[in-house]
Amino acid sequence: MKNKIDQNNKTDHKYKTDQLKTVPEIDLFRIFPEEHDRFAFPADIHRVTASHGGESFLILGSEKNALYDCGMALAGPDLVHNIRCFTDRLDYVILSHSHYDHMGGLPYVLEAFPKACVCASAKCARIFASENARKTMRQLGEDAKRQYAPGSTVPIITDGIRVDRQLAEGDKISLGDLTITAYETKGHTDCSMSYYFEEIGLLITSESTGILKKLDWVDTPILKDFSDAYVSLEKCRSLHPKYISIPHYAMLPADYNEKFFSLFDEECRRKMDYVRQRLAKGLSTEEIIRQYRQDFWFDEIAQEMPYEAFETNSIHIVGALIRAIENEGDR
C-alpha cells in the first residue's frame, strides 16, 4: 500500500533538515507498511513538528509561506527552530482548531514571526479571547509537559494568542502557486476547520472526521455534535481529494482515502450502539463515562495524549453520543 506522491510540485532547495528537532516515532503510527512515508507531501510541504500532539506543517509557496498548526507549548522554541531550518519568513499561521495540542506553540511562533497573519474560525477567535479557555489550555499544557518533558524549563504561556483573520466557508489564502480553501468541519469542536489545496488535490482534514488509530480503526473524537460530524464527513468526501492528510498522523496512502471515511462512519455507528445499549440497561451518564474510559484507553494512546486530556474528552464524547441518541427519538 505504497503512497506514491507526485514530486513535480516540489522545489529544489537546500534545507537544514539534518538540524530538525523531532520526536521519536511511536508504535501508534506504525500502521501501514514501511514503504509508506506519511510525510511525503505532493508539494513543498514539510513536517516541523517538535513535540507530541498535533502535527505541524510548513507550506512553502512560490510567493508566501504558511504554518499549519503549532503543536504543544512544551516544544514551542523547538518548533520555531524547525521553521528556521526551512525559511526566515512566515506569512500565515492557519489553525485547525483551538485545542492546546494544536495551538500551544503559537505564542512562540508569534514572538519569532510577529508579522505572521493568524487565520482560524470566528469561534476560535472568541475562544482565544476567553480567560477561562486560556486557563484550561495552560493547565493541559502543564500536564503534557510533566508527562513528556519532565524537568523542562519551557514556560506554558497563552498570552498574546490571537486570530488576525477569521475564516469562513470557502475563504481562500493564496501562497502564489498554491491556494488554500477553508472549510468549516464542525463536530470535534465548533471551531474546527479543514483546508483544501485544489492545485494538488490535497485535503487536510480536522478531527471532526476521525483520527486513525489502527489499520481498521478510525477513532471518533466528536466532542460537540455527531450530526455536525456527519455533515463534515460528506463535505470532505464531496471534494474527492487525491491526497488526504489527517490529524495526529499526516498523509494516508491514496488508495486508503475512501476506506478511512467509511471506517469513520462505521465507528460513529458502533459508538452510538455502545452507548445506546448501556442506556437501555439503565446506566447513568457517569457510569457510561467510566466504562468508556476503561474500554477506549490503551497503552499506545499514552504515548501521544496525557490521560488527563483523555478523561476530559471522554466526558464530552459520551455527552455528544447521548444527545445524538436523544435526537434520534425526536425525528
C-alpha atoms as a PDB file:
ATOM      1  CA  MET A   1       0.000   0.000   0.000  1.00  0.00           C
ATOM      2  CA  LYS A   2       2.677   2.459  -1.066  1.00  0.00           C
ATOM      3  CA  ASN A   3       1.961   6.171  -1.110  1.00  0.00           C
ATOM      4  CA  LYS A   4       3.187   7.433  -4.476  1.00  0.00           C
ATOM      5  CA  ILE A   5       3.449  11.217  -4.412  1.00  0.00           C
ATOM      6  CA  ASP A   6       3.979  13.368  -7.489  1.00  0.00           C
ATOM      7  CA  GLN A   7       7.315  15.061  -6.864  1.00  0.00           C
ATOM      8  CA  ASN A   8       6.969  17.537  -9.766  1.00  0.00           C
ATOM      9  CA  ASN A   9       5.476  20.190  -7.494  1.00  0.00           C
ATOM     10  CA  LYS A  10       8.394  20.137  -5.093  1.00  0.00           C
ATOM     11  CA  THR A  11      11.015  22.839  -5.460  1.00  0.00           C
ATOM     12  CA  ASP A  12      14.724  22.192  -5.127  1.00  0.00           C
ATOM     13  CA  HIS A  13      16.049  23.899  -2.002  1.00  0.00           C
ATOM     14  CA  LYS A  14      18.948  23.189   0.309  1.00  0.00           C
ATOM     15  CA  TYR A  15      17.212  22.892   3.645  1.00  0.00           C
ATOM     16  CA  LYS A  16      18.815  22.196   7.015  1.00  0.00           C
ATOM     17  CA  THR A  17      16.781  19.069   7.588  1.00  0.00           C
ATOM     18  CA  ASP A  18      19.652  17.415   9.435  1.00  0.00           C
ATOM     19  CA  GLN A  19      19.157  20.024  12.175  1.00  0.00           C
ATOM     20  CA  LEU A  20      15.436  19.388  12.772  1.00  0.00           C
ATOM     21  CA  LYS A  21      14.360  18.701  16.350  1.00  0.00           C
ATOM     22  CA  THR A  22      11.790  15.924  16.234  1.00  0.00           C
ATOM     23  CA  VAL A  23      10.232  13.293  18.476  1.00  0.00           C
ATOM     24  CA  PRO A  24      10.859   9.542  18.055  1.00  0.00           C
ATOM     25  CA  GLU A  25       8.353   7.525  16.047  1.00  0.00           C
ATOM     26  CA  ILE A  26       5.928   5.637  18.284  1.00  0.00           C
ATOM     27  CA  ASP A  27       4.091   2.350  17.834  1.00  0.00           C
ATOM     28  CA  LEU A  28       0.754   4.141  17.383  1.00  0.00           C
ATOM     29  CA  PHE A  29       1.907   5.428  13.978  1.00  0.00           C
ATOM     30  CA  ARG A  30       3.288   2.159  12.592  1.00  0.00           C
ATOM     31  CA  ILE A  31       0.048   1.434  10.771  1.00  0.00           C
ATOM     32  CA  PHE A  32       0.964   0.899   7.123  1.00  0.00           C
ATOM     33  CA  PRO A  33       3.873  -0.989   5.514  1.00  0.00           C
ATOM     34  CA  GLU A  34       7.292   0.618   5.978  1.00  0.00           C
ATOM     35  CA  GLU A  35       7.434   1.870   2.384  1.00  0.00           C
ATOM     36  CA  HIS A  36       4.614   4.306   3.099  1.00  0.00           C
ATOM     37  CA  ASP A  37       6.011   7.729   4.006  1.00  0.00           C
ATOM     38  CA  ARG A  38       3.364   9.648   5.937  1.00  0.00           C
ATOM     39  CA  PHE A  39       5.252  12.897   5.433  1.00  0.00           C
ATOM     40  CA  ALA A  40       5.674  12.647   1.648  1.00  0.00           C
ATOM     41  CA  PHE A  41       3.527  15.590   0.591  1.00  0.00           C
ATOM     42  CA  PRO A  42       2.664  16.422  -3.043  1.00  0.00           C
ATOM     43  CA  ALA A  43       4.165  19.912  -2.776  1.00  0.00           C
ATOM     44  CA  ASP A  44       6.826  21.900  -0.925  1.00  0.00           C
ATOM     45  CA  ILE A  45       5.316  20.992   2.458  1.00  0.00           C
ATOM     46  CA  HIS A  46       7.431  19.850   5.375  1.00  0.00           C
ATOM     47  CA  ARG A  47       6.899  18.432   8.823  1.00  0.00           C
ATOM     48  CA  VAL A  48       8.175  20.805  11.501  1.00  0.00           C
ATOM     49  CA  THR A  49       6.507  19.041  14.439  1.00  0.00           C
ATOM     50  CA  ALA A  50       8.685  19.205  17.542  1.00  0.00           C
ATOM     51  CA  SER A  51       6.515  17.516  20.155  1.00  0.00           C
ATOM     52  CA  HIS A  52       3.772  15.031  20.860  1.00  0.00           C
ATOM     53  CA  GLY A  53       0.268  16.146  19.931  1.00  0.00           C
ATOM     54  CA  GLY A  54      -0.963  17.614  16.672  1.00  0.00           C
ATOM     55  CA  GLU A  55       1.334  17.693  13.660  1.00  0.00           C
ATOM     56  CA  SER A  56       2.719  20.994  12.354  1.00  0.00           C
ATOM     57  CA  PHE A  57       3.481  21.524   8.661  1.00  0.00           C
ATOM     58  CA  LEU A  58       5.340  24.309   6.907  1.00  0.00           C
ATOM     59  CA  ILE A  59       3.854  25.086   3.495  1.00  0.00           C
ATOM     60  CA  LEU A  60       6.276  26.900   1.196  1.00  0.00           C
ATOM     61  CA  GLY A  61       4.537  28.640  -1.695  1.00  0.00           C
ATOM     62  CA  SER A  62       6.080  30.446  -4.624  1.00  0.00           C
ATOM     63  CA  GLU A  63       5.228  33.818  -3.043  1.00  0.00           C
ATOM     64  CA  LYS A  64       4.253  33.239   0.590  1.00  0.00           C
ATOM     65  CA  ASN A  65       4.715  30.682   3.354  1.00  0.00           C
ATOM     66  CA  ALA A  66       2.247  29.275   5.868  1.00  0.00           C
ATOM     67  CA  LEU A  67       2.437  27.193   9.029  1.00  0.00           C
ATOM     68  CA  TYR A  68      -0.356  24.700   9.699  1.00  0.00           C
ATOM     69  CA  ASP A  69      -0.905  24.221  13.447  1.00  0.00           C
ATOM     70  CA  CYS A  70       1.628  24.760  16.225  1.00  0.00           C
ATOM     71  CA  GLY A  71       1.685  21.631  18.380  1.00  0.00           C
ATOM     72  CA  MET A  72       2.116  21.679  22.143  1.00  0.00           C
ATOM     73  CA  ALA A  73       3.581  24.614  24.071  1.00  0.00           C
ATOM     74  CA  LEU A  74       6.288  22.453  25.640  1.00  0.00           C
ATOM     75  CA  ALA A  75       8.121  22.428  22.300  1.00  0.00           C
ATOM     76  CA  GLY A  76       7.390  25.991  21.158  1.00  0.00           C
ATOM     77  CA  PRO A  77      11.086  27.009  20.895  1.00  0.00           C
ATOM     78  CA  ASP A  78      11.927  23.798  19.008  1.00  0.00           C
ATOM     79  CA  LEU A  79       9.047  24.446  16.592  1.00  0.00           C
ATOM     80  CA  VAL A  80      10.483  27.882  15.805  1.00  0.00           C
ATOM     81  CA  HIS A  81      13.905  26.288  15.324  1.00  0.00           C
ATOM     82  CA  ASN A  82      12.438  23.774  12.862  1.00  0.00           C
ATOM     83  CA  ILE A  83      10.697  26.502  10.864  1.00  0.00           C
ATOM     84  CA  ARG A  84      14.003  28.355  10.573  1.00  0.00           C
ATOM     85  CA  CYS A  85      15.574  25.215   9.107  1.00  0.00           C
ATOM     86  CA  PHE A  86      13.487  25.996   6.012  1.00  0.00           C
ATOM     87  CA  THR A  87      12.818  29.739   5.969  1.00  0.00           C
ATOM     88  CA  ASP A  88      13.212  33.016   7.848  1.00  0.00           C
ATOM     89  CA  ARG A  89       9.832  34.292   6.637  1.00  0.00           C
ATOM     90  CA  LEU A  90       6.394  33.253   7.781  1.00  0.00           C
ATOM     91  CA  ASP A  91       3.354  34.977   6.278  1.00  0.00           C
ATOM     92  CA  TYR A  92       0.479  32.927   7.692  1.00  0.00           C
ATOM     93  CA  VAL A  93      -0.372  30.601  10.539  1.00  0.00           C
ATOM     94  CA  ILE A  94      -3.509  28.554   9.821  1.00  0.00           C
ATOM     95  CA  LEU A  95      -5.102  26.693  12.719  1.00  0.00           C
ATOM     96  CA  SER A  96      -7.268  23.592  12.650  1.00  0.00           C
ATOM     97  CA  HIS A  97      -8.939  24.469  15.966  1.00  0.00           C
ATOM     98  CA  SER A  98      -8.333  25.906  19.416  1.00  0.00           C
ATOM     99  CA  HIS A  99      -7.120  22.881  21.404  1.00  0.00           C
ATOM    100  CA  TYR A 100      -3.887  23.121  23.388  1.00  0.00           C
ATOM    101  CA  ASP A 101      -2.095  20.355  21.442  1.00  0.00           C
ATOM    102  CA  HIS A 102      -2.644  22.180  18.143  1.00  0.00           C
ATOM    103  CA  MET A 103      -2.128  25.831  19.111  1.00  0.00           C
ATOM    104  CA  GLY A 104       0.150  25.602  22.177  1.00  0.00           C
ATOM    105  CA  GLY A 105       3.247  26.725  20.296  1.00  0.00           C
ATOM    106  CA  LEU A 106       1.519  29.794  18.831  1.00  0.00           C
ATOM    107  CA  PRO A 107       2.932  32.338  21.331  1.00  0.00           C
ATOM    108  CA  TYR A 108       6.479  31.239  20.471  1.00  0.00           C
ATOM    109  CA  VAL A 109       5.789  31.395  16.742  1.00  0.00           C
ATOM    110  CA  LEU A 110       4.350  34.913  17.035  1.00  0.00           C
ATOM    111  CA  GLU A 111       7.307  36.048  19.111  1.00  0.00           C
ATOM    112  CA  ALA A 112       9.654  34.860  16.348  1.00  0.00           C
ATOM    113  CA  PHE A 113       7.422  35.956  13.441  1.00  0.00           C
ATOM    114  CA  PRO A 114       5.324  38.873  14.767  1.00  0.00           C
ATOM    115  CA  LYS A 115       4.053  39.865  11.313  1.00  0.00           C
ATOM    116  CA  ALA A 116       2.525  36.455  10.583  1.00  0.00           C
ATOM    117  CA  CYS A 117      -1.233  36.585   9.997  1.00  0.00           C
ATOM    118  CA  VAL A 118      -3.034  34.046  12.184  1.00  0.00           C
ATOM    119  CA  CYS A 119      -6.024  32.526  10.366  1.00  0.00           C
ATOM    120  CA  ALA A 120      -8.748  30.488  12.062  1.00  0.00           C
ATOM    121  CA  SER A 121     -12.501  30.339  12.521  1.00  0.00           C
ATOM    122  CA  ALA A 122     -14.501  33.112  14.199  1.00  0.00           C
ATOM    123  CA  LYS A 123     -15.311  30.680  17.013  1.00  0.00           C
ATOM    124  CA  CYS A 124     -11.602  30.079  17.552  1.00  0.00           C
ATOM    125  CA  ALA A 125     -11.066  33.839  17.861  1.00  0.00           C
ATOM    126  CA  ARG A 126     -13.738  34.028  20.569  1.00  0.00           C
ATOM    127  CA  ILE A 127     -12.190  31.117  22.452  1.00  0.00           C
ATOM    128  CA  PHE A 128      -8.752  32.740  22.391  1.00  0.00           C
ATOM    129  CA  ALA A 129     -10.308  35.840  23.955  1.00  0.00           C
ATOM    130  CA  SER A 130     -11.675  33.830  26.908  1.00  0.00           C
ATOM    131  CA  GLU A 131      -9.548  33.785  30.057  1.00  0.00           C
ATOM    132  CA  ASN A 132     -11.228  30.566  31.206  1.00  0.00           C
ATOM    133  CA  ALA A 133     -10.324  28.873  27.928  1.00  0.00           C
ATOM    134  CA  ARG A 134      -6.731  30.111  28.151  1.00  0.00           C
ATOM    135  CA  LYS A 135      -6.547  28.811  31.725  1.00  0.00           C
ATOM    136  CA  THR A 136      -7.626  25.349  30.546  1.00  0.00           C
ATOM    137  CA  MET A 137      -5.052  25.460  27.725  1.00  0.00           C
ATOM    138  CA  ARG A 138      -2.311  26.304  30.230  1.00  0.00           C
ATOM    139  CA  GLN A 139      -3.342  23.519  32.611  1.00  0.00           C
ATOM    140  CA  LEU A 140      -3.433  20.876  29.878  1.00  0.00           C
ATOM    141  CA  GLY A 141      -0.112  22.184  28.591  1.00  0.00           C
ATOM    142  CA  GLU A 142       1.392  21.767  32.062  1.00  0.00           C
ATOM    143  CA  ASP A 143       0.007  18.212  32.271  1.00  0.00           C
ATOM    144  CA  ALA A 144       1.615  17.384  28.942  1.00  0.00           C
ATOM    145  CA  LYS A 145       4.954  18.891  29.983  1.00  0.00           C
ATOM    146  CA  ARG A 146       5.041  16.769  33.150  1.00  0.00           C
ATOM    147  CA  GLN A 147       4.413  13.639  31.089  1.00  0.00           C
ATOM    148  CA  TYR A 148       6.538  14.244  28.003  1.00  0.00           C
ATOM    149  CA  ALA A 149       9.220  16.705  29.112  1.00  0.00           C
ATOM    150  CA  PRO A 150       9.777  16.374  32.877  1.00  0.00           C
ATOM    151  CA  GLY A 151      12.316  18.906  34.032  1.00  0.00           C
ATOM    152  CA  SER A 152      11.658  21.212  31.080  1.00  0.00           C
ATOM    153  CA  THR A 153      12.037  24.920  31.814  1.00  0.00           C
ATOM    154  CA  VAL A 154       9.884  25.993  28.850  1.00  0.00           C
ATOM    155  CA  PRO A 155       7.023  28.107  30.267  1.00  0.00           C
ATOM    156  CA  ILE A 156       3.478  27.199  29.222  1.00  0.00           C
ATOM    157  CA  ILE A 157       2.006  30.518  28.123  1.00  0.00           C
ATOM    158  CA  THR A 158      -1.139  31.595  26.306  1.00  0.00           C
ATOM    159  CA  ASP A 159      -0.609  35.354  26.489  1.00  0.00           C
ATOM    160  CA  GLY A 160      -0.677  37.038  23.114  1.00  0.00           C
ATOM    161  CA  ILE A 161      -2.569  34.322  21.249  1.00  0.00           C
ATOM    162  CA  ARG A 162      -4.763  35.876  18.612  1.00  0.00           C
ATOM    163  CA  VAL A 163      -6.651  35.396  15.374  1.00  0.00           C
ATOM    164  CA  ASP A 164      -5.954  38.108  12.796  1.00  0.00           C
ATOM    165  CA  ARG A 165      -8.183  36.799  10.021  1.00  0.00           C
ATOM    166  CA  GLN A 166     -11.421  34.987  10.769  1.00  0.00           C
ATOM    167  CA  LEU A 167     -12.043  32.363   8.109  1.00  0.00           C
ATOM    168  CA  ALA A 168     -15.491  31.387   6.870  1.00  0.00           C
ATOM    169  CA  GLU A 169     -16.609  28.639   4.498  1.00  0.00           C
ATOM    170  CA  GLY A 170     -14.867  28.965   1.125  1.00  0.00           C
ATOM    171  CA  ASP A 171     -12.396  31.684   2.111  1.00  0.00           C
ATOM    172  CA  LYS A 172      -9.097  31.411   0.278  1.00  0.00           C
ATOM    173  CA  ILE A 173      -5.466  32.099   1.162  1.00  0.00           C
ATOM    174  CA  SER A 174      -3.051  32.461  -1.736  1.00  0.00           C
ATOM    175  CA  LEU A 175       0.583  31.409  -1.413  1.00  0.00           C
ATOM    176  CA  GLY A 176       1.261  32.034  -5.094  1.00  0.00           C
ATOM    177  CA  ASP A 177       1.308  28.617  -6.736  1.00  0.00           C
ATOM    178  CA  LEU A 178      -0.899  27.158  -4.013  1.00  0.00           C
ATOM    179  CA  THR A 179      -4.343  28.288  -2.870  1.00  0.00           C
ATOM    180  CA  ILE A 180      -5.698  27.149   0.485  1.00  0.00           C
ATOM    181  CA  THR A 181      -9.505  26.982   0.724  1.00  0.00           C
ATOM    182  CA  ALA A 182     -11.051  26.849   4.195  1.00  0.00           C
ATOM    183  CA  TYR A 183     -13.994  24.610   5.052  1.00  0.00           C
ATOM    184  CA  GLU A 184     -15.923  24.582   8.316  1.00  0.00           C
ATOM    185  CA  THR A 185     -15.910  20.997   9.597  1.00  0.00           C
ATOM    186  CA  LYS A 186     -17.626  21.030  12.969  1.00  0.00           C
ATOM    187  CA  GLY A 187     -18.172  18.048  15.218  1.00  0.00           C
ATOM    188  CA  HIS A 188     -14.932  17.638  17.161  1.00  0.00           C
ATOM    189  CA  THR A 189     -15.305  21.294  18.114  1.00  0.00           C
ATOM    190  CA  ASP A 190     -17.405  24.164  16.800  1.00  0.00           C
ATOM    191  CA  CYS A 191     -14.199  25.889  15.680  1.00  0.00           C
ATOM    192  CA  SER A 192     -12.760  23.035  13.583  1.00  0.00           C
ATOM    193  CA  MET A 193     -11.607  23.825  10.039  1.00  0.00           C
ATOM    194  CA  SER A 194     -10.294  21.700   7.163  1.00  0.00           C
ATOM    195  CA  TYR A 195      -8.151  23.026   4.319  1.00  0.00           C
ATOM    196  CA  TYR A 196      -8.095  22.039   0.650  1.00  0.00           C
ATOM    197  CA  PHE A 197      -5.355  22.702  -1.922  1.00  0.00           C
ATOM    198  CA  GLU A 198      -7.148  22.474  -5.254  1.00  0.00           C
ATOM    199  CA  GLU A 199      -4.000  22.688  -7.396  1.00  0.00           C
ATOM    200  CA  ILE A 200      -2.660  19.433  -5.967  1.00  0.00           C
ATOM    201  CA  GLY A 201      -5.853  17.797  -4.684  1.00  0.00           C
ATOM    202  CA  LEU A 202      -4.667  17.722  -1.066  1.00  0.00           C
ATOM    203  CA  LEU A 203      -7.173  17.874   1.793  1.00  0.00           C
ATOM    204  CA  ILE A 204      -6.006  18.449   5.379  1.00  0.00           C
ATOM    205  CA  THR A 205      -8.916  17.234   7.479  1.00  0.00           C
ATOM    206  CA  SER A 206      -9.916  18.131  11.029  1.00  0.00           C
ATOM    207  CA  GLU A 207     -10.533  15.741  13.923  1.00  0.00           C
ATOM    208  CA  SER A 208     -14.246  16.018  13.156  1.00  0.00           C
ATOM    209  CA  THR A 209     -13.821  13.289  10.535  1.00  0.00           C
ATOM    210  CA  GLY A 210     -11.681  10.999  12.649  1.00  0.00           C
ATOM    211  CA  ILE A 211      -8.209  10.008  13.795  1.00  0.00           C
ATOM    212  CA  LEU A 212      -6.569   6.803  12.576  1.00  0.00           C
ATOM    213  CA  LYS A 213      -5.541   4.536  15.465  1.00  0.00           C
ATOM    214  CA  LYS A 214      -5.136   1.186  13.722  1.00  0.00           C
ATOM    215  CA  LEU A 215      -5.385  -0.127  10.180  1.00  0.00           C
ATOM    216  CA  ASP A 216      -9.046  -0.993  10.707  1.00  0.00           C
ATOM    217  CA  TRP A 217      -9.997   1.537  13.384  1.00  0.00           C
ATOM    218  CA  VAL A 218     -10.691   5.249  12.980  1.00  0.00           C
ATOM    219  CA  ASP A 219     -11.445   6.887  16.308  1.00  0.00           C
ATOM    220  CA  THR A 220     -14.283   9.416  16.519  1.00  0.00           C
ATOM    221  CA  PRO A 221     -13.311  12.256  18.902  1.00  0.00           C
ATOM    222  CA  ILE A 222     -16.614  14.082  18.488  1.00  0.00           C
ATOM    223  CA  LEU A 223     -16.793  16.395  21.484  1.00  0.00           C
ATOM    224  CA  LYS A 224     -19.694  18.588  20.325  1.00  0.00           C
ATOM    225  CA  ASP A 225     -22.168  17.175  17.803  1.00  0.00           C
ATOM    226  CA  PHE A 226     -22.366  13.944  15.809  1.00  0.00           C
ATOM    227  CA  SER A 227     -24.822  15.479  13.325  1.00  0.00           C
ATOM    228  CA  ASP A 228     -22.262  18.173  12.536  1.00  0.00           C
ATOM    229  CA  ALA A 229     -19.596  15.489  12.156  1.00  0.00           C
ATOM    230  CA  TYR A 230     -21.664  13.688   9.508  1.00  0.00           C
ATOM    231  CA  VAL A 231     -22.111  16.961   7.621  1.00  0.00           C
ATOM    232  CA  SER A 232     -18.347  17.449   7.777  1.00  0.00           C
ATOM    233  CA  LEU A 233     -17.780  13.890   6.547  1.00  0.00           C
ATOM    234  CA  GLU A 234     -19.948  14.392   3.465  1.00  0.00           C
ATOM    235  CA  LYS A 235     -18.370  17.778   2.789  1.00  0.00           C
ATOM    236  CA  CYS A 236     -14.881  16.233   2.770  1.00  0.00           C
ATOM    237  CA  ARG A 237     -15.991  13.293   0.640  1.00  0.00           C
ATOM    238  CA  SER A 238     -17.596  15.628  -1.916  1.00  0.00           C
ATOM    239  CA  LEU A 239     -14.237  17.268  -2.615  1.00  0.00           C
ATOM    240  CA  HIS A 240     -12.927  13.923  -3.961  1.00  0.00           C
ATOM    241  CA  PRO A 241      -9.403  14.680  -2.746  1.00  0.00           C
ATOM    242  CA  LYS A 242      -6.496  12.923  -4.390  1.00  0.00           C
ATOM    243  CA  TYR A 243      -4.493  13.094  -1.182  1.00  0.00           C
ATOM    244  CA  ILE A 244      -5.625  13.292   2.444  1.00  0.00           C
ATOM    245  CA  SER A 245      -3.620  14.377   5.473  1.00  0.00           C
ATOM    246  CA  ILE A 246      -5.363  13.563   8.748  1.00  0.00           C
ATOM    247  CA  PRO A 247      -4.766  14.934  12.276  1.00  0.00           C
ATOM    248  CA  HIS A 248      -2.185  13.252  14.504  1.00  0.00           C
ATOM    249  CA  TYR A 249      -0.867  11.207  11.581  1.00  0.00           C
ATOM    250  CA  ALA A 250      -0.417  13.027   8.221  1.00  0.00           C
ATOM    251  CA  MET A 251      -0.623  11.516   4.731  1.00  0.00           C
ATOM    252  CA  LEU A 252      -2.766   8.466   4.068  1.00  0.00           C
ATOM    253  CA  PRO A 253      -1.950   6.108   1.211  1.00  0.00           C
ATOM    254  CA  ALA A 254      -4.041   7.359  -1.721  1.00  0.00           C
ATOM    255  CA  ASP A 255      -5.867   4.043  -2.068  1.00  0.00           C
ATOM    256  CA  TYR A 256      -6.939   4.234   1.590  1.00  0.00           C
ATOM    257  CA  ASN A 257      -8.878   7.523   1.366  1.00  0.00           C
ATOM    258  CA  GLU A 258     -12.383   6.122   0.964  1.00  0.00           C
ATOM    259  CA  LYS A 259     -11.736   3.331   3.457  1.00  0.00           C
ATOM    260  CA  PHE A 260     -10.758   5.964   6.018  1.00  0.00           C
ATOM    261  CA  PHE A 261     -14.061   7.788   5.582  1.00  0.00           C
ATOM    262  CA  SER A 262     -16.006   4.509   5.685  1.00  0.00           C
ATOM    263  CA  LEU A 263     -14.257   3.404   8.884  1.00  0.00           C
ATOM    264  CA  PHE A 264     -15.139   6.726  10.480  1.00  0.00           C
ATOM    265  CA  ASP A 265     -18.791   6.233   9.558  1.00  0.00           C
ATOM    266  CA  GLU A 266     -18.762   2.683  10.936  1.00  0.00           C
ATOM    267  CA  GLU A 267     -17.112   3.737  14.192  1.00  0.00           C
ATOM    268  CA  CYS A 268     -19.659   6.507  14.745  1.00  0.00           C
ATOM    269  CA  ARG A 269     -22.427   3.921  14.459  1.00  0.00           C
ATOM    270  CA  ARG A 270     -20.562   1.485  16.735  1.00  0.00           C
ATOM    271  CA  LYS A 271     -20.111   4.145  19.425  1.00  0.00           C
ATOM    272  CA  MET A 272     -23.803   5.028  19.164  1.00  0.00           C
ATOM    273  CA  ASP A 273     -24.723   1.364  19.695  1.00  0.00           C
ATOM    274  CA  TYR A 274     -22.245   1.152  22.596  1.00  0.00           C
ATOM    275  CA  VAL A 275     -23.957   3.995  24.447  1.00  0.00           C
ATOM    276  CA  ARG A 276     -27.481   3.007  23.384  1.00  0.00           C
ATOM    277  CA  GLN A 277     -27.033  -0.469  24.907  1.00  0.00           C
ATOM    278  CA  ARG A 278     -25.846   0.969  28.212  1.00  0.00           C
ATOM    279  CA  LEU A 279     -28.666   3.466  28.365  1.00  0.00           C
ATOM    280  CA  ALA A 280     -31.086   0.584  27.792  1.00  0.00           C
ATOM    281  CA  LYS A 281     -29.576  -1.164  30.830  1.00  0.00           C
ATOM    282  CA  GLY A 282     -30.306   1.885  32.938  1.00  0.00           C
ATOM    283  CA  LEU A 283     -26.717   3.067  33.378  1.00  0.00           C
ATOM    284  CA  SER A 284     -26.225   6.694  34.331  1.00  0.00           C
ATOM    285  CA  THR A 285     -24.134   9.098  32.298  1.00  0.00           C
ATOM    286  CA  GLU A 286     -21.373   8.887  34.914  1.00  0.00           C
ATOM    287  CA  GLU A 287     -21.362   5.070  34.747  1.00  0.00           C
ATOM    288  CA  ILE A 288     -21.163   5.115  30.951  1.00  0.00           C
ATOM    289  CA  ILE A 289     -18.258   7.562  31.104  1.00  0.00           C
ATOM    290  CA  ARG A 290     -16.380   5.254  33.491  1.00  0.00           C
ATOM    291  CA  GLN A 291     -16.927   2.273  31.200  1.00  0.00           C
ATOM    292  CA  TYR A 292     -15.931   4.320  28.152  1.00  0.00           C
ATOM    293  CA  ARG A 293     -12.629   5.236  29.819  1.00  0.00           C
ATOM    294  CA  GLN A 294     -11.924   1.583  30.567  1.00  0.00           C
ATOM    295  CA  ASP A 295     -12.826   0.328  27.089  1.00  0.00           C
ATOM    296  CA  PHE A 296     -11.280   3.016  24.862  1.00  0.00           C
ATOM    297  CA  TRP A 297      -7.979   3.791  26.563  1.00  0.00           C
ATOM    298  CA  PHE A 298      -4.997   1.670  25.560  1.00  0.00           C
ATOM    299  CA  ASP A 299      -1.266   1.929  26.222  1.00  0.00           C
ATOM    300  CA  GLU A 300      -0.298   3.278  22.806  1.00  0.00           C
ATOM    301  CA  ILE A 301      -2.505   6.350  23.294  1.00  0.00           C
ATOM    302  CA  ALA A 302      -0.451   7.309  26.354  1.00  0.00           C
ATOM    303  CA  GLN A 303       2.494   7.912  24.022  1.00  0.00           C
ATOM    304  CA  GLU A 304       0.537  10.708  22.319  1.00  0.00           C
ATOM    305  CA  MET A 305      -2.079  12.001  24.797  1.00  0.00           C
ATOM    306  CA  PRO A 306      -1.964  12.611  28.562  1.00  0.00           C
ATOM    307  CA  TYR A 307      -4.617  10.651  30.447  1.00  0.00           C
ATOM    308  CA  GLU A 308      -5.976  13.916  31.890  1.00  0.00           C
ATOM    309  CA  ALA A 309      -6.881  15.056  28.355  1.00  0.00           C
ATOM    310  CA  PHE A 310      -8.490  11.677  27.599  1.00  0.00           C
ATOM    311  CA  GLU A 311     -10.520  11.931  30.824  1.00  0.00           C
ATOM    312  CA  THR A 312     -11.845  15.337  29.811  1.00  0.00           C
ATOM    313  CA  ASN A 313     -12.561  14.268  26.241  1.00  0.00           C
ATOM    314  CA  SER A 314     -14.485  11.180  27.377  1.00  0.00           C
ATOM    315  CA  ILE A 315     -16.986  13.346  29.250  1.00  0.00           C
ATOM    316  CA  HIS A 316     -17.705  15.379  26.115  1.00  0.00           C
ATOM    317  CA  ILE A 317     -17.751  12.381  23.754  1.00  0.00           C
ATOM    318  CA  VAL A 318     -20.251  10.424  25.843  1.00  0.00           C
ATOM    319  CA  GLY A 319     -22.368  13.557  26.248  1.00  0.00           C
ATOM    320  CA  ALA A 320     -22.393  14.093  22.474  1.00  0.00           C
ATOM    321  CA  LEU A 321     -23.361  10.457  21.907  1.00  0.00           C
ATOM    322  CA  ILE A 322     -26.246  10.669  24.363  1.00  0.00           C
ATOM    323  CA  ARG A 323     -27.532  13.851  22.715  1.00  0.00           C
ATOM    324  CA  ALA A 324     -27.350  12.192  19.311  1.00  0.00           C
ATOM    325  CA  ILE A 325     -29.374   9.209  20.572  1.00  0.00           C
ATOM    326  CA  GLU A 326     -31.959  11.506  22.167  1.00  0.00           C
ATOM    327  CA  ASN A 327     -32.255  13.456  18.913  1.00  0.00           C
ATOM    328  CA  GLU A 328     -32.980  10.196  17.063  1.00  0.00           C
ATOM    329  CA  GLY A 329     -36.107   9.862  19.168  1.00  0.00           C
ATOM    330  CA  ASP A 330     -37.228  13.361  18.190  1.00  0.00           C
ATOM    331  CA  ARG A 331     -37.206  12.569  14.484  1.00  0.00           C
END
